[in-house]
Amino acid sequence: MGTMKQQNKKFQLIITSPPYNAKKIYENNLLLDEYKTFARSWIDAACDLLSENGSLWLNVGYMKVGSNRTIPLTYLYYEICKLPFVQEIVWHFEGGMSYKKRFTHRTERWMWFAKNPDKVKFNLDSIRSYCKKKDARNNPLGKNPTDYWYFDRVTNNNKQKTEHPCQFPTAMISRIIRACSDAGDVVLDPFMGSGSVGVSCVENNRSFVGIEISKRYCKIAKERLDKVLPSIWDDDGNMLPSAYIS
């Protein structure tokens, strides 16, 4: 991201979910102050890459700080992120591990930050949902979705499922993409994982840049992108120059 900043790259939309420091297989086990340093470093770099009417959408859960203690990462990132905060979205899902000493998690949060909240791009008509009740006062295109979203997690019986343990449902990502960017805009995911943001971008006619340090997850993302963009790789598995942002 530092290199892209030097090249004066700008992105209309950044969608990502950083490591939670929750002892997942792809995470380092950091102390709280160490995690704050890590969080500040990546989010400062991301904010510098956002366009003037752009949005940063950050998915977070809970950091484990004891055998029966957690910290909601919304508290941490609200203080750290230098962008104005627009709104919190509650993502509800079913399934997953149950707990015996505290209530079971069935939600995560989306934090919506913007470079300029008064001028942020928000395409309401592109995300309106079907309204069952017929009423002349209702918008014929549908209603504005609320700040409480239900999307199923990508579990083992889902055809989208890969080896990545925390995979986004593409339908949820598509809602964010359609709301806060236009066709042809460029979207960044600094923690690409299995490539769900990239796949959603292709399906919604957006360009995409993903960053991922795990070769295993890069391979998974590449295989998923192969199915929707089979022409962006050469015979040796390298991305063709035409696939990069010029």
Foldseek 3Di string as FASTA:
>chain_A
DVVVVVVVAAFQEEEEEDDQCAPDPPDDNDDPVVVLVVLLVVLVVVVSRYDQQHKYKYKWAWHDDDPPDTDTCVVSVVVRHPFDWDDKAKEFEDDDDADDPDGGDGIIIITMGGNDVVRHFFDQLQQADADPDDDPVADPSHHGDDSYHYDYFCDPVHPVDDPFPGDDDLVVLLNVPRTGHAAAGEYEYADCFQNSNVVSCLVRNYAYDYHHDDPVSVVNNLVSVCVRPVPQADPVGHGDPVNDDD
